[in-house]
Amino acid sequence: MTPRLRLIAFLCAAAVLLLASGCGSLPVYKGAGITCVGGKWASGVSAGSGGPSNSTESSLMSEIDSWMGTPYLYGGESRSGVDCSGFTQAVYSSVGVEIPRTASQQAAAAQEVNPGNLDFGDLLFFNTSGSGISHVGIYIGNGFFAHSSSSQGVVRESLAKEYYANRIVSAGRVL
């Protein structure tokens, strides 16, 4: 066997082992909800309700919809440009709920939510920088969340998207 074939065989074997070992402590999407392995996400994440269930949540969803397509701007807090925590702060402010400005401050202020009990409007916190909570979005039901993406602005995304599934840290409730 040539050195090149040995390398290919080794890489294939390593890939099989990684796939067989699962996701470790990282969450992955499974069917109607999110099933996670390890850490505090081990109990799985509910798909939640299909969307808003009361007038406050309906107002929150209308506000979220009105921000769709707003461009991303680091430190931004307006419809001409907004970052993730500026978006969540503005959306909650529209329904009379004041939350802190940064993602990490919002995580500290929110009541922690068990992954199996997500409800519409819960805040989802992510570690996208490798050094703690650095991103936040709003859970909108059925495995989806709204957030201000640095590459796309304000959008809806599935928690099944590998990038976010691999980086979710916690969830919190402010309603």
N, C-alpha and C. Protein backbone atom coordinates (compact mmCIF):
# COMPACT_ATOMS: atom_id res chain seq x y z
N MET A 1 0.85 -1.18 0.00
CA MET A 1 0.00 0.00 0.00
C MET A 1 0.90 1.24 0.00
N THR A 2 0.58 2.17 -0.87
CA THR A 2 1.38 3.39 -0.98
C THR A 2 1.10 4.30 0.20
N PRO A 3 2.03 5.22 0.50
CA PRO A 3 1.79 6.17 1.60
C PRO A 3 0.50 6.97 1.40
N ARG A 4 0.20 7.31 0.16
CA ARG A 4 -1.02 8.10 -0.10
C ARG A 4 -2.27 7.28 0.24
N LEU A 5 -2.29 6.01 -0.16
CA LEU A 5 -3.43 5.15 0.16
C LEU A 5 -3.56 4.92 1.66
N ARG A 6 -2.42 4.77 2.37
CA ARG A 6 -2.45 4.62 3.82
C ARG A 6 -3.07 5.86 4.48
N LEU A 7 -2.69 7.03 3.99
CA LEU A 7 -3.24 8.28 4.53
C LEU A 7 -4.74 8.36 4.29
N ILE A 8 -5.17 8.00 3.10
CA ILE A 8 -6.61 8.02 2.79
C ILE A 8 -7.35 7.03 3.68
N ALA A 9 -6.80 5.82 3.86
CA ALA A 9 -7.43 4.82 4.72
C ALA A 9 -7.51 5.31 6.16
N PHE A 10 -6.42 5.93 6.63
CA PHE A 10 -6.42 6.49 7.99
C PHE A 10 -7.48 7.57 8.15
N LEU A 11 -7.56 8.49 7.20
CA LEU A 11 -8.54 9.57 7.28
C LEU A 11 -9.97 9.04 7.23
N CYS A 12 -10.20 8.02 6.41
CA CYS A 12 -11.54 7.41 6.37
C CYS A 12 -11.90 6.75 7.70
N ALA A 13 -10.94 6.02 8.27
CA ALA A 13 -11.18 5.37 9.57
C ALA A 13 -11.44 6.42 10.65
N ALA A 14 -10.68 7.51 10.63
CA ALA A 14 -10.88 8.58 11.61
C ALA A 14 -12.26 9.20 11.45
N ALA A 15 -12.69 9.40 10.23
CA ALA A 15 -14.02 9.98 9.98
C ALA A 15 -15.12 9.06 10.50
N VAL A 16 -14.98 7.76 10.28
CA VAL A 16 -15.97 6.79 10.77
C VAL A 16 -16.03 6.83 12.30
N LEU A 17 -14.87 6.87 12.95
CA LEU A 17 -14.85 6.94 14.41
C LEU A 17 -15.51 8.21 14.92
N LEU A 18 -15.25 9.34 14.28
CA LEU A 18 -15.88 10.59 14.70
C LEU A 18 -17.39 10.52 14.54
N LEU A 19 -17.85 9.99 13.43
CA LEU A 19 -19.30 9.87 13.22
C LEU A 19 -19.93 8.92 14.22
N ALA A 20 -19.25 7.82 14.51
CA ALA A 20 -19.79 6.84 15.45
C ALA A 20 -19.83 7.37 16.88
N SER A 21 -18.95 8.30 17.19
CA SER A 21 -18.89 8.81 18.56
C SER A 21 -19.97 9.83 18.85
N GLY A 22 -20.72 10.25 17.86
CA GLY A 22 -21.80 11.22 18.08
C GLY A 22 -21.26 12.62 18.21
N CYS A 23 -22.06 13.50 18.79
CA CYS A 23 -21.69 14.91 18.84
C CYS A 23 -21.09 15.30 20.18
N GLY A 24 -20.85 14.35 21.09
CA GLY A 24 -20.28 14.71 22.38
C GLY A 24 -21.20 15.63 23.14
N SER A 25 -20.72 16.81 23.48
CA SER A 25 -21.54 17.74 24.26
C SER A 25 -22.24 18.76 23.38
N LEU A 26 -22.23 18.54 22.06
CA LEU A 26 -22.83 19.51 21.16
C LEU A 26 -24.24 19.10 20.79
N PRO A 27 -25.18 20.06 20.71
CA PRO A 27 -26.55 19.73 20.35
C PRO A 27 -26.69 19.47 18.86
N VAL A 28 -27.57 18.56 18.51
CA VAL A 28 -27.88 18.30 17.12
C VAL A 28 -29.39 18.21 16.97
N TYR A 29 -29.90 18.57 15.82
CA TYR A 29 -31.34 18.57 15.58
C TYR A 29 -31.81 17.16 15.27
N LYS A 30 -32.90 16.76 15.87
CA LYS A 30 -33.49 15.45 15.64
C LYS A 30 -34.99 15.60 15.53
N GLY A 31 -35.54 15.47 14.34
CA GLY A 31 -36.98 15.44 14.15
C GLY A 31 -37.71 16.67 14.62
N ALA A 32 -38.71 16.46 15.48
CA ALA A 32 -39.59 17.55 15.91
C ALA A 32 -38.98 18.45 16.97
N GLY A 33 -37.85 18.06 17.50
CA GLY A 33 -37.21 18.87 18.53
C GLY A 33 -35.72 18.78 18.37
N ILE A 34 -35.00 19.16 19.37
CA ILE A 34 -33.55 19.08 19.31
C ILE A 34 -33.10 18.11 20.38
N THR A 35 -32.39 17.10 20.00
CA THR A 35 -31.87 16.15 20.95
C THR A 35 -30.39 16.42 21.10
N CYS A 36 -29.94 16.56 22.30
CA CYS A 36 -28.54 16.88 22.53
C CYS A 36 -27.91 15.82 23.41
N VAL A 37 -26.61 15.70 23.31
CA VAL A 37 -25.88 14.73 24.10
C VAL A 37 -24.86 15.46 24.94
N GLY A 38 -24.89 15.21 26.25
CA GLY A 38 -23.89 15.80 27.13
C GLY A 38 -24.30 17.16 27.65
N GLY A 39 -23.61 17.61 28.69
CA GLY A 39 -23.86 18.92 29.26
C GLY A 39 -25.30 19.10 29.70
N LYS A 40 -25.70 20.33 29.93
CA LYS A 40 -27.06 20.56 30.39
C LYS A 40 -28.08 20.48 29.27
N TRP A 41 -27.63 20.29 28.04
CA TRP A 41 -28.57 20.12 26.92
C TRP A 41 -28.90 18.66 26.69
N ALA A 42 -28.43 17.77 27.58
CA ALA A 42 -28.62 16.33 27.40
C ALA A 42 -30.09 15.92 27.42
N SER A 43 -30.94 16.68 28.09
CA SER A 43 -32.34 16.29 28.17
C SER A 43 -33.10 16.57 26.89
N GLY A 44 -32.50 17.28 25.95
CA GLY A 44 -33.16 17.57 24.69
C GLY A 44 -33.88 18.90 24.74
N VAL A 45 -34.06 19.48 23.61
CA VAL A 45 -34.70 20.78 23.48
C VAL A 45 -36.06 20.58 22.84
N SER A 46 -37.09 21.14 23.44
CA SER A 46 -38.41 21.01 22.88
C SER A 46 -38.54 21.82 21.61
N ALA A 47 -39.44 21.42 20.74
CA ALA A 47 -39.72 22.21 19.55
C ALA A 47 -40.63 23.37 19.94
N GLY A 48 -41.18 23.34 21.14
CA GLY A 48 -42.04 24.42 21.61
C GLY A 48 -43.35 24.47 20.86
N SER A 49 -44.09 25.49 21.13
CA SER A 49 -45.35 25.68 20.43
C SER A 49 -45.07 26.07 18.99
N GLY A 50 -46.12 26.16 18.22
CA GLY A 50 -45.97 26.54 16.82
C GLY A 50 -45.75 28.02 16.63
N GLY A 51 -45.79 28.80 17.67
CA GLY A 51 -45.60 30.24 17.54
C GLY A 51 -46.26 30.95 18.70
N PRO A 52 -46.61 32.21 18.49
CA PRO A 52 -47.19 33.01 19.58
C PRO A 52 -48.49 32.39 20.11
N SER A 53 -48.67 32.49 21.44
CA SER A 53 -49.87 31.91 22.04
C SER A 53 -50.71 32.93 22.81
N ASN A 54 -50.28 34.21 22.83
CA ASN A 54 -51.07 35.24 23.48
C ASN A 54 -50.78 36.58 22.79
N SER A 55 -51.46 37.63 23.23
CA SER A 55 -51.32 38.92 22.54
C SER A 55 -49.93 39.51 22.66
N THR A 56 -49.27 39.33 23.81
CA THR A 56 -47.90 39.84 23.96
C THR A 56 -46.97 39.14 22.99
N GLU A 57 -47.10 37.81 22.89
CA GLU A 57 -46.26 37.05 21.97
C GLU A 57 -46.57 37.41 20.51
N SER A 58 -47.84 37.66 20.21
CA SER A 58 -48.21 38.07 18.85
C SER A 58 -47.59 39.42 18.51
N SER A 59 -47.59 40.34 19.47
CA SER A 59 -46.94 41.64 19.27
C SER A 59 -45.44 41.46 19.08
N LEU A 60 -44.85 40.57 19.86
CA LEU A 60 -43.43 40.28 19.74
C LEU A 60 -43.12 39.74 18.34
N MET A 61 -43.95 38.83 17.84
CA MET A 61 -43.73 38.25 16.51
C MET A 61 -43.88 39.31 15.43
N SER A 62 -44.86 40.18 15.57
CA SER A 62 -45.04 41.27 14.60
C SER A 62 -43.81 42.17 14.57
N GLU A 63 -43.28 42.45 15.75
CA GLU A 63 -42.07 43.28 15.83
C GLU A 63 -40.88 42.56 15.19
N ILE A 64 -40.74 41.28 15.48
CA ILE A 64 -39.66 40.50 14.86
C ILE A 64 -39.78 40.57 13.34
N ASP A 65 -41.00 40.33 12.84
CA ASP A 65 -41.22 40.38 11.38
C ASP A 65 -40.85 41.73 10.79
N SER A 66 -41.13 42.79 11.54
CA SER A 66 -40.85 44.14 11.01
C SER A 66 -39.35 44.42 10.90
N TRP A 67 -38.53 43.67 11.60
CA TRP A 67 -37.07 43.84 11.56
C TRP A 67 -36.41 42.98 10.49
N MET A 68 -37.14 42.02 9.92
CA MET A 68 -36.55 41.10 8.94
C MET A 68 -35.90 41.88 7.81
N GLY A 69 -34.67 41.49 7.48
CA GLY A 69 -33.94 42.14 6.41
C GLY A 69 -33.11 43.34 6.84
N THR A 70 -33.25 43.77 8.09
CA THR A 70 -32.42 44.88 8.58
C THR A 70 -30.96 44.45 8.52
N PRO A 71 -30.08 45.28 7.98
CA PRO A 71 -28.67 44.88 7.89
C PRO A 71 -28.00 44.80 9.26
N TYR A 72 -26.97 43.98 9.32
CA TYR A 72 -26.17 43.84 10.54
C TYR A 72 -25.21 45.02 10.64
N LEU A 73 -25.08 45.53 11.85
CA LEU A 73 -24.08 46.56 12.14
C LEU A 73 -23.62 46.34 13.57
N TYR A 74 -22.33 46.03 13.77
CA TYR A 74 -21.81 45.82 15.11
C TYR A 74 -22.07 47.08 15.95
N GLY A 75 -22.70 46.90 17.10
CA GLY A 75 -23.04 48.03 17.98
C GLY A 75 -24.30 48.75 17.56
N GLY A 76 -24.90 48.33 16.44
CA GLY A 76 -26.09 49.00 15.92
C GLY A 76 -27.32 48.73 16.76
N GLU A 77 -28.20 49.73 16.79
CA GLU A 77 -29.44 49.63 17.58
C GLU A 77 -30.64 50.17 16.83
N SER A 78 -30.53 50.32 15.50
CA SER A 78 -31.63 50.91 14.75
C SER A 78 -31.92 50.09 13.49
N ARG A 79 -32.97 50.48 12.80
CA ARG A 79 -33.36 49.75 11.59
C ARG A 79 -32.41 50.01 10.42
N SER A 80 -31.49 50.95 10.59
CA SER A 80 -30.48 51.13 9.55
C SER A 80 -29.31 50.16 9.76
N GLY A 81 -29.24 49.52 10.91
CA GLY A 81 -28.23 48.52 11.21
C GLY A 81 -28.30 48.12 12.66
N VAL A 82 -28.28 46.81 12.92
CA VAL A 82 -28.44 46.32 14.28
C VAL A 82 -27.61 45.06 14.48
N ASP A 83 -27.05 44.91 15.69
CA ASP A 83 -26.36 43.66 16.01
C ASP A 83 -27.33 42.75 16.75
N CYS A 84 -26.86 41.57 17.14
CA CYS A 84 -27.77 40.57 17.71
C CYS A 84 -28.44 41.04 18.99
N SER A 85 -27.68 41.58 19.91
CA SER A 85 -28.26 41.99 21.19
C SER A 85 -29.04 43.29 21.07
N GLY A 86 -28.66 44.15 20.13
CA GLY A 86 -29.45 45.35 19.86
C GLY A 86 -30.82 44.97 19.32
N PHE A 87 -30.85 43.94 18.48
CA PHE A 87 -32.12 43.42 17.93
C PHE A 87 -33.01 42.87 19.04
N THR A 88 -32.46 42.00 19.89
CA THR A 88 -33.30 41.42 20.95
C THR A 88 -33.77 42.50 21.92
N GLN A 89 -32.89 43.43 22.23
CA GLN A 89 -33.27 44.52 23.15
C GLN A 89 -34.39 45.37 22.56
N ALA A 90 -34.30 45.71 21.28
CA ALA A 90 -35.33 46.53 20.63
C ALA A 90 -36.66 45.80 20.54
N VAL A 91 -36.61 44.51 20.20
CA VAL A 91 -37.84 43.73 20.08
C VAL A 91 -38.55 43.66 21.43
N TYR A 92 -37.82 43.37 22.48
CA TYR A 92 -38.45 43.28 23.81
C TYR A 92 -38.92 44.64 24.30
N SER A 93 -38.18 45.68 24.00
CA SER A 93 -38.59 47.03 24.39
C SER A 93 -39.94 47.39 23.77
N SER A 94 -40.20 46.89 22.56
CA SER A 94 -41.45 47.20 21.87
C SER A 94 -42.67 46.64 22.60
N VAL A 95 -42.48 45.65 23.46
CA VAL A 95 -43.59 45.09 24.24
C VAL A 95 -43.45 45.46 25.72
N GLY A 96 -42.62 46.46 26.00
CA GLY A 96 -42.50 46.98 27.36
C GLY A 96 -41.58 46.20 28.28
N VAL A 97 -40.72 45.35 27.71
CA VAL A 97 -39.80 44.57 28.53
C VAL A 97 -38.39 45.09 28.26
N GLU A 98 -37.76 45.62 29.30
CA GLU A 98 -36.41 46.17 29.15
C GLU A 98 -35.39 45.11 29.54
N ILE A 99 -34.45 44.86 28.64
CA ILE A 99 -33.38 43.91 28.91
C ILE A 99 -32.04 44.61 28.66
N PRO A 100 -30.96 44.08 29.25
CA PRO A 100 -29.64 44.72 29.07
C PRO A 100 -29.19 44.73 27.61
N ARG A 101 -28.09 45.38 27.33
CA ARG A 101 -27.65 45.61 25.96
C ARG A 101 -26.88 44.45 25.33
N THR A 102 -25.99 43.79 26.05
CA THR A 102 -25.14 42.77 25.42
C THR A 102 -25.69 41.36 25.62
N ALA A 103 -25.27 40.45 24.75
CA ALA A 103 -25.73 39.06 24.84
C ALA A 103 -25.39 38.46 26.20
N SER A 104 -24.18 38.67 26.69
CA SER A 104 -23.80 38.08 27.98
C SER A 104 -24.59 38.70 29.12
N GLN A 105 -24.87 40.01 29.05
CA GLN A 105 -25.69 40.66 30.09
C GLN A 105 -27.13 40.15 30.03
N GLN A 106 -27.64 39.93 28.81
CA GLN A 106 -28.99 39.40 28.67
C GLN A 106 -29.08 37.99 29.25
N ALA A 107 -28.04 37.18 29.03
CA ALA A 107 -28.03 35.82 29.59
C ALA A 107 -28.05 35.87 31.11
N ALA A 108 -27.29 36.79 31.68
CA ALA A 108 -27.23 36.91 33.14
C ALA A 108 -28.56 37.38 33.72
N ALA A 109 -29.29 38.21 32.98
CA ALA A 109 -30.54 38.78 33.48
C ALA A 109 -31.74 37.85 33.29
N ALA A 110 -31.65 36.94 32.34
CA ALA A 110 -32.78 36.06 32.02
C ALA A 110 -32.88 34.91 33.02
N GLN A 111 -34.12 34.43 33.19
CA GLN A 111 -34.34 33.24 34.01
C GLN A 111 -33.97 32.03 33.16
N GLU A 112 -33.04 31.24 33.64
CA GLU A 112 -32.58 30.09 32.84
C GLU A 112 -33.73 29.14 32.54
N VAL A 113 -33.74 28.63 31.32
CA VAL A 113 -34.79 27.74 30.85
C VAL A 113 -34.18 26.37 30.56
N ASN A 114 -34.83 25.33 31.06
CA ASN A 114 -34.44 23.97 30.75
C ASN A 114 -34.62 23.76 29.25
N PRO A 115 -33.66 23.14 28.57
CA PRO A 115 -33.77 22.95 27.13
C PRO A 115 -35.05 22.26 26.68
N GLY A 116 -35.62 21.43 27.53
CA GLY A 116 -36.86 20.74 27.17
C GLY A 116 -38.10 21.60 27.33
N ASN A 117 -37.95 22.83 27.81
CA ASN A 117 -39.11 23.68 28.08
C ASN A 117 -39.08 25.01 27.32
N LEU A 118 -38.46 25.02 26.15
CA LEU A 118 -38.42 26.26 25.39
C LEU A 118 -39.82 26.71 25.00
N ASP A 119 -40.06 28.01 25.11
CA ASP A 119 -41.31 28.63 24.69
C ASP A 119 -41.01 29.74 23.70
N PHE A 120 -42.03 30.11 22.94
CA PHE A 120 -41.90 31.24 22.04
C PHE A 120 -41.38 32.45 22.83
N GLY A 121 -40.41 33.14 22.27
CA GLY A 121 -39.88 34.34 22.91
C GLY A 121 -38.68 34.13 23.81
N ASP A 122 -38.35 32.88 24.11
CA ASP A 122 -37.17 32.65 24.94
C ASP A 122 -35.93 33.10 24.18
N LEU A 123 -34.96 33.60 24.93
CA LEU A 123 -33.69 34.00 24.34
C LEU A 123 -32.78 32.79 24.26
N LEU A 124 -32.08 32.65 23.14
CA LEU A 124 -31.12 31.57 22.94
C LEU A 124 -29.73 32.18 22.90
N PHE A 125 -28.82 31.60 23.64
CA PHE A 125 -27.47 32.16 23.76
C PHE A 125 -26.45 31.20 23.15
N PHE A 126 -25.51 31.78 22.42
CA PHE A 126 -24.53 31.02 21.67
C PHE A 126 -23.12 31.50 21.98
N ASN A 127 -22.17 30.58 21.88
CA ASN A 127 -20.76 30.92 21.96
C ASN A 127 -20.22 30.83 20.53
N THR A 128 -20.16 31.96 19.85
CA THR A 128 -19.66 31.99 18.47
C THR A 128 -18.22 32.47 18.39
N SER A 129 -17.68 32.93 19.52
CA SER A 129 -16.34 33.50 19.51
C SER A 129 -15.31 32.58 20.15
N GLY A 130 -15.78 31.54 20.82
CA GLY A 130 -14.87 30.65 21.53
C GLY A 130 -14.55 31.11 22.94
N SER A 131 -15.15 32.23 23.36
CA SER A 131 -14.84 32.74 24.70
C SER A 131 -16.09 33.20 25.43
N GLY A 132 -17.07 32.31 25.55
CA GLY A 132 -18.29 32.62 26.30
C GLY A 132 -19.42 33.10 25.40
N ILE A 133 -20.49 33.53 26.02
CA ILE A 133 -21.68 33.95 25.28
C ILE A 133 -21.36 35.19 24.46
N SER A 134 -21.58 35.06 23.15
CA SER A 134 -21.25 36.16 22.23
C SER A 134 -22.35 36.41 21.20
N HIS A 135 -23.45 35.65 21.27
CA HIS A 135 -24.53 35.82 20.30
C HIS A 135 -25.85 35.46 20.96
N VAL A 136 -26.93 36.12 20.51
CA VAL A 136 -28.25 35.87 21.07
C VAL A 136 -29.30 35.95 19.97
N GLY A 137 -30.34 35.15 20.11
CA GLY A 137 -31.48 35.18 19.21
C GLY A 137 -32.74 34.93 20.00
N ILE A 138 -33.89 35.02 19.32
CA ILE A 138 -35.19 34.83 19.96
C ILE A 138 -35.85 33.59 19.38
N TYR A 139 -36.21 32.65 20.26
CA TYR A 139 -36.86 31.42 19.83
C TYR A 139 -38.28 31.73 19.34
N ILE A 140 -38.62 31.27 18.11
CA ILE A 140 -39.94 31.56 17.55
C ILE A 140 -40.76 30.29 17.31
N GLY A 141 -40.34 29.18 17.87
CA GLY A 141 -41.11 27.95 17.81
C GLY A 141 -40.67 27.01 16.71
N ASN A 142 -41.04 25.76 16.88
CA ASN A 142 -40.79 24.71 15.89
C ASN A 142 -39.33 24.59 15.48
N GLY A 143 -38.42 24.85 16.41
CA GLY A 143 -37.00 24.69 16.12
C GLY A 143 -36.37 25.86 15.39
N PHE A 144 -37.05 27.01 15.32
CA PHE A 144 -36.52 28.19 14.62
C PHE A 144 -36.29 29.35 15.59
N PHE A 145 -35.38 30.23 15.20
CA PHE A 145 -35.13 31.43 15.98
C PHE A 145 -34.86 32.58 15.02
N ALA A 146 -35.04 33.80 15.53
CA ALA A 146 -34.75 35.02 14.77
C ALA A 146 -33.56 35.69 15.42
N HIS A 147 -32.68 36.26 14.60
CA HIS A 147 -31.48 36.91 15.13
C HIS A 147 -30.89 37.82 14.07
N SER A 148 -29.94 38.64 14.49
CA SER A 148 -29.19 39.46 13.55
C SER A 148 -27.86 38.78 13.29
N SER A 149 -27.77 38.21 12.11
CA SER A 149 -26.57 37.50 11.67
C SER A 149 -25.56 38.49 11.11
N SER A 150 -24.29 38.30 11.47
CA SER A 150 -23.27 39.23 10.98
C SER A 150 -23.12 39.17 9.46
N SER A 151 -23.54 38.08 8.84
CA SER A 151 -23.41 37.97 7.38
C SER A 151 -24.70 38.25 6.62
N GLN A 152 -25.87 38.17 7.31
CA GLN A 152 -27.15 38.30 6.61
C GLN A 152 -28.09 39.34 7.19
N GLY A 153 -27.76 39.92 8.32
CA GLY A 153 -28.69 40.82 8.99
C GLY A 153 -29.76 40.03 9.71
N VAL A 154 -30.92 40.64 9.93
CA VAL A 154 -31.98 39.98 10.70
C VAL A 154 -32.68 38.94 9.82
N VAL A 155 -32.64 37.70 10.31
CA VAL A 155 -33.18 36.55 9.58
C VAL A 155 -33.79 35.55 10.55
N ARG A 156 -34.55 34.61 9.99
CA ARG A 156 -35.00 33.43 10.72
C ARG A 156 -34.04 32.30 10.36
N GLU A 157 -33.70 31.46 11.35
CA GLU A 157 -32.82 30.32 11.08
C GLU A 157 -33.33 29.12 11.85
N SER A 158 -33.00 27.96 11.36
CA SER A 158 -33.30 26.72 12.05
C SER A 158 -32.17 26.40 13.03
N LEU A 159 -32.55 25.92 14.20
CA LEU A 159 -31.53 25.44 15.13
C LEU A 159 -30.87 24.17 14.60
N ALA A 160 -31.43 23.60 13.52
CA ALA A 160 -30.81 22.45 12.89
C ALA A 160 -29.56 22.84 12.12
N LYS A 161 -29.43 24.12 11.82
CA LYS A 161 -28.23 24.58 11.10
C LYS A 161 -27.02 24.26 11.95
N GLU A 162 -26.10 23.50 11.38
CA GLU A 162 -24.97 22.97 12.14
C GLU A 162 -24.19 24.05 12.89
N TYR A 163 -24.00 25.19 12.26
CA TYR A 163 -23.22 26.26 12.90
C TYR A 163 -23.81 26.62 14.26
N TYR A 164 -25.14 26.80 14.33
CA TYR A 164 -25.78 27.20 15.58
C TYR A 164 -25.97 26.01 16.51
N ALA A 165 -26.30 24.85 15.96
CA ALA A 165 -26.47 23.66 16.79
C ALA A 165 -25.20 23.34 17.56
N ASN A 166 -24.05 23.62 16.95
CA ASN A 166 -22.77 23.34 17.60
C ASN A 166 -22.35 24.42 18.57
N ARG A 167 -23.08 25.54 18.63
CA ARG A 167 -22.62 26.66 19.46
C ARG A 167 -23.63 27.13 20.51
N ILE A 168 -24.79 26.50 20.57
CA ILE A 168 -25.79 26.93 21.56
C ILE A 168 -25.26 26.60 22.96
N VAL A 169 -25.44 27.56 23.87
CA VAL A 169 -24.92 27.42 25.23
C VAL A 169 -26.05 27.30 26.24
N SER A 170 -27.06 28.16 26.11
CA SER A 170 -28.15 28.16 27.09
C SER A 170 -29.35 28.90 26.51
N ALA A 171 -30.41 28.91 27.31
CA ALA A 171 -31.62 29.64 26.95
C ALA A 171 -32.13 30.36 28.20
N GLY A 172 -32.82 31.47 28.00
CA GLY A 172 -33.35 32.22 29.11
C GLY A 172 -34.67 32.86 28.79
N ARG A 173 -35.46 33.11 29.81
CA ARG A 173 -36.81 33.67 29.64
C ARG A 173 -36.87 35.05 30.27
N VAL A 174 -37.43 36.01 29.54
CA VAL A 174 -37.60 37.35 30.06
C VAL A 174 -39.07 37.79 30.04
N LEU A 175 -39.94 36.99 29.45
CA LEU A 175 -41.39 37.29 29.45
C LEU A 175 -42.08 36.64 30.63
